[in-house]
């Protein structure tokens, strides 16, 4: 599991470009049964609020509960199917 920033460093493109590619990667992976795209939900470091129902693939800027801006970044990965 990697953050968009870590993916950006690995492939040499801007973080914003990584975020633009993620929806396509998600569709490609699920469409050809080569695995499953997984997202680790972001979480507020201050109050522990978890953004479980978030559909956007960008880490939110602040917590809706305590308004803190200390949000743990989303992580993305591909889980291979069991054979």
C-alpha atoms as a PDB file:
ATOM      1  CA  UNK A   1       0.000   0.000   0.000  1.00  0.00           C
ATOM      2  CA  UNK A   2       1.382   3.373  -1.050  1.00  0.00           C
ATOM      3  CA  UNK A   3       0.255   6.985  -0.777  1.00  0.00           C
ATOM      4  CA  UNK A   4      -0.169   9.085  -3.926  1.00  0.00           C
ATOM      5  CA  UNK A   5       3.020  10.908  -2.933  1.00  0.00           C
ATOM      6  CA  UNK A   6       4.963   7.633  -2.698  1.00  0.00           C
ATOM      7  CA  UNK A   7       3.590   6.449  -6.061  1.00  0.00           C
ATOM      8  CA  UNK A   8       4.588   9.809  -7.545  1.00  0.00           C
ATOM      9  CA  UNK A   9       8.163   9.326  -6.381  1.00  0.00           C
ATOM     10  CA  UNK A  10       8.314   5.762  -7.694  1.00  0.00           C
ATOM     11  CA  UNK A  11       7.038   6.508 -11.212  1.00  0.00           C
ATOM     12  CA  UNK A  12       8.396  10.040 -11.608  1.00  0.00           C
ATOM     13  CA  UNK A  13       5.181  11.979 -12.206  1.00  0.00           C
ATOM     14  CA  UNK A  14       3.457  14.702 -10.183  1.00  0.00           C
ATOM     15  CA  UNK A  15       1.165  13.650  -7.332  1.00  0.00           C
ATOM     16  CA  UNK A  16      -1.754  15.380  -9.074  1.00  0.00           C
ATOM     17  CA  UNK A  17      -1.202  13.185 -12.142  1.00  0.00           C
ATOM     18  CA  UNK A  18      -1.191  10.064  -9.962  1.00  0.00           C
ATOM     19  CA  UNK A  19      -4.592  11.078  -8.563  1.00  0.00           C
ATOM     20  CA  UNK A  20      -5.910  11.577 -12.113  1.00  0.00           C
ATOM     21  CA  UNK A  21      -4.796   8.055 -13.126  1.00  0.00           C
ATOM     22  CA  UNK A  22      -6.181   6.189 -10.089  1.00  0.00           C
ATOM     23  CA  UNK A  23      -9.841   5.962 -11.261  1.00  0.00           C
ATOM     24  CA  UNK A  24      -8.684   4.449 -14.568  1.00  0.00           C
ATOM     25  CA  UNK A  25      -6.421   1.986 -12.755  1.00  0.00           C
ATOM     26  CA  UNK A  26      -9.319   1.034 -10.487  1.00  0.00           C
ATOM     27  CA  UNK A  27     -11.595   0.330 -13.489  1.00  0.00           C
ATOM     28  CA  UNK A  28      -8.877  -1.570 -15.358  1.00  0.00           C
ATOM     29  CA  UNK A  29      -8.029  -3.843 -12.446  1.00  0.00           C
ATOM     30  CA  UNK A  30     -11.627  -4.677 -11.570  1.00  0.00           C
ATOM     31  CA  UNK A  31     -12.664  -5.022 -15.211  1.00  0.00           C
ATOM     32  CA  UNK A  32     -10.187  -7.737 -16.166  1.00  0.00           C
ATOM     33  CA  UNK A  33     -10.270  -9.721 -12.909  1.00  0.00           C
ATOM     34  CA  UNK A  34      -6.496  -9.330 -12.458  1.00  0.00           C
ATOM     35  CA  UNK A  35      -6.952  -8.240  -8.886  1.00  0.00           C
ATOM     36  CA  UNK A  36      -8.795  -5.858  -6.659  1.00  0.00           C
ATOM     37  CA  UNK A  37      -8.045  -2.164  -6.176  1.00  0.00           C
ATOM     38  CA  UNK A  38      -8.005  -1.346  -2.462  1.00  0.00           C
ATOM     39  CA  UNK A  39      -7.996   1.974  -0.636  1.00  0.00           C
ATOM     40  CA  UNK A  40      -7.005   2.514   2.976  1.00  0.00           C
ATOM     41  CA  UNK A  41      -9.304   5.227   4.308  1.00  0.00           C
ATOM     42  CA  UNK A  42      -7.794   8.463   5.565  1.00  0.00           C
ATOM     43  CA  UNK A  43      -8.066   9.152   9.275  1.00  0.00           C
ATOM     44  CA  UNK A  44      -7.822  12.249  11.471  1.00  0.00           C
ATOM     45  CA  UNK A  45      -4.670  12.028  13.587  1.00  0.00           C
ATOM     46  CA  UNK A  46      -6.186  14.288  16.246  1.00  0.00           C
ATOM     47  CA  UNK A  47      -9.643  12.789  16.969  1.00  0.00           C
ATOM     48  CA  UNK A  48      -9.458   9.466  15.097  1.00  0.00           C
ATOM     49  CA  UNK A  49     -12.366  10.138  12.718  1.00  0.00           C
ATOM     50  CA  UNK A  50     -12.212   7.734   9.762  1.00  0.00           C
ATOM     51  CA  UNK A  51     -13.392   8.790   6.304  1.00  0.00           C
ATOM     52  CA  UNK A  52     -14.732   5.306   5.453  1.00  0.00           C
ATOM     53  CA  UNK A  53     -17.457   6.340   3.002  1.00  0.00           C
ATOM     54  CA  UNK A  54     -15.243   8.699   1.008  1.00  0.00           C
ATOM     55  CA  UNK A  55     -15.480   8.048  -2.719  1.00  0.00           C
ATOM     56  CA  UNK A  56     -12.999  10.650  -3.937  1.00  0.00           C
ATOM     57  CA  UNK A  57      -9.454   9.346  -4.179  1.00  0.00           C
ATOM     58  CA  UNK A  58      -7.872  12.494  -2.750  1.00  0.00           C
ATOM     59  CA  UNK A  59      -7.040  12.872   0.952  1.00  0.00           C
ATOM     60  CA  UNK A  60      -9.386  15.420   2.548  1.00  0.00           C
ATOM     61  CA  UNK A  61      -7.849  18.677   3.770  1.00  0.00           C
ATOM     62  CA  UNK A  62      -9.437  18.706   7.221  1.00  0.00           C
ATOM     63  CA  UNK A  63     -11.603  16.740   9.625  1.00  0.00           C
ATOM     64  CA  UNK A  64     -15.343  17.506   9.610  1.00  0.00           C
ATOM     65  CA  UNK A  65     -15.548  16.742  13.345  1.00  0.00           C
ATOM     66  CA  UNK A  66     -12.639  18.589  14.998  1.00  0.00           C
ATOM     67  CA  UNK A  67     -11.554  20.713  11.988  1.00  0.00           C
ATOM     68  CA  UNK A  68      -7.927  19.576  12.393  1.00  0.00           C
ATOM     69  CA  UNK A  69      -5.784  19.464   9.269  1.00  0.00           C
ATOM     70  CA  UNK A  70      -3.699  16.521  10.488  1.00  0.00           C
ATOM     71  CA  UNK A  71      -5.122  13.832   8.204  1.00  0.00           C
ATOM     72  CA  UNK A  72      -3.356  10.515   7.587  1.00  0.00           C
ATOM     73  CA  UNK A  73      -2.950  10.153   3.807  1.00  0.00           C
ATOM     74  CA  UNK A  74      -4.962   7.624   1.821  1.00  0.00           C
ATOM     75  CA  UNK A  75      -3.073   4.551   0.661  1.00  0.00           C
ATOM     76  CA  UNK A  76      -3.715   2.572  -2.498  1.00  0.00           C
ATOM     77  CA  UNK A  77      -2.866  -0.932  -3.589  1.00  0.00           C
ATOM     78  CA  UNK A  78      -3.828  -3.879  -5.756  1.00  0.00           C
ATOM     79  CA  UNK A  79      -4.568  -7.221  -4.148  1.00  0.00           C
ATOM     80  CA  UNK A  80      -4.043 -10.204  -6.405  1.00  0.00           C
ATOM     81  CA  UNK A  81      -6.862 -12.748  -6.605  1.00  0.00           C
ATOM     82  CA  UNK A  82      -6.431 -16.102  -4.888  1.00  0.00           C
ATOM     83  CA  UNK A  83      -5.739 -18.937  -7.304  1.00  0.00           C
END
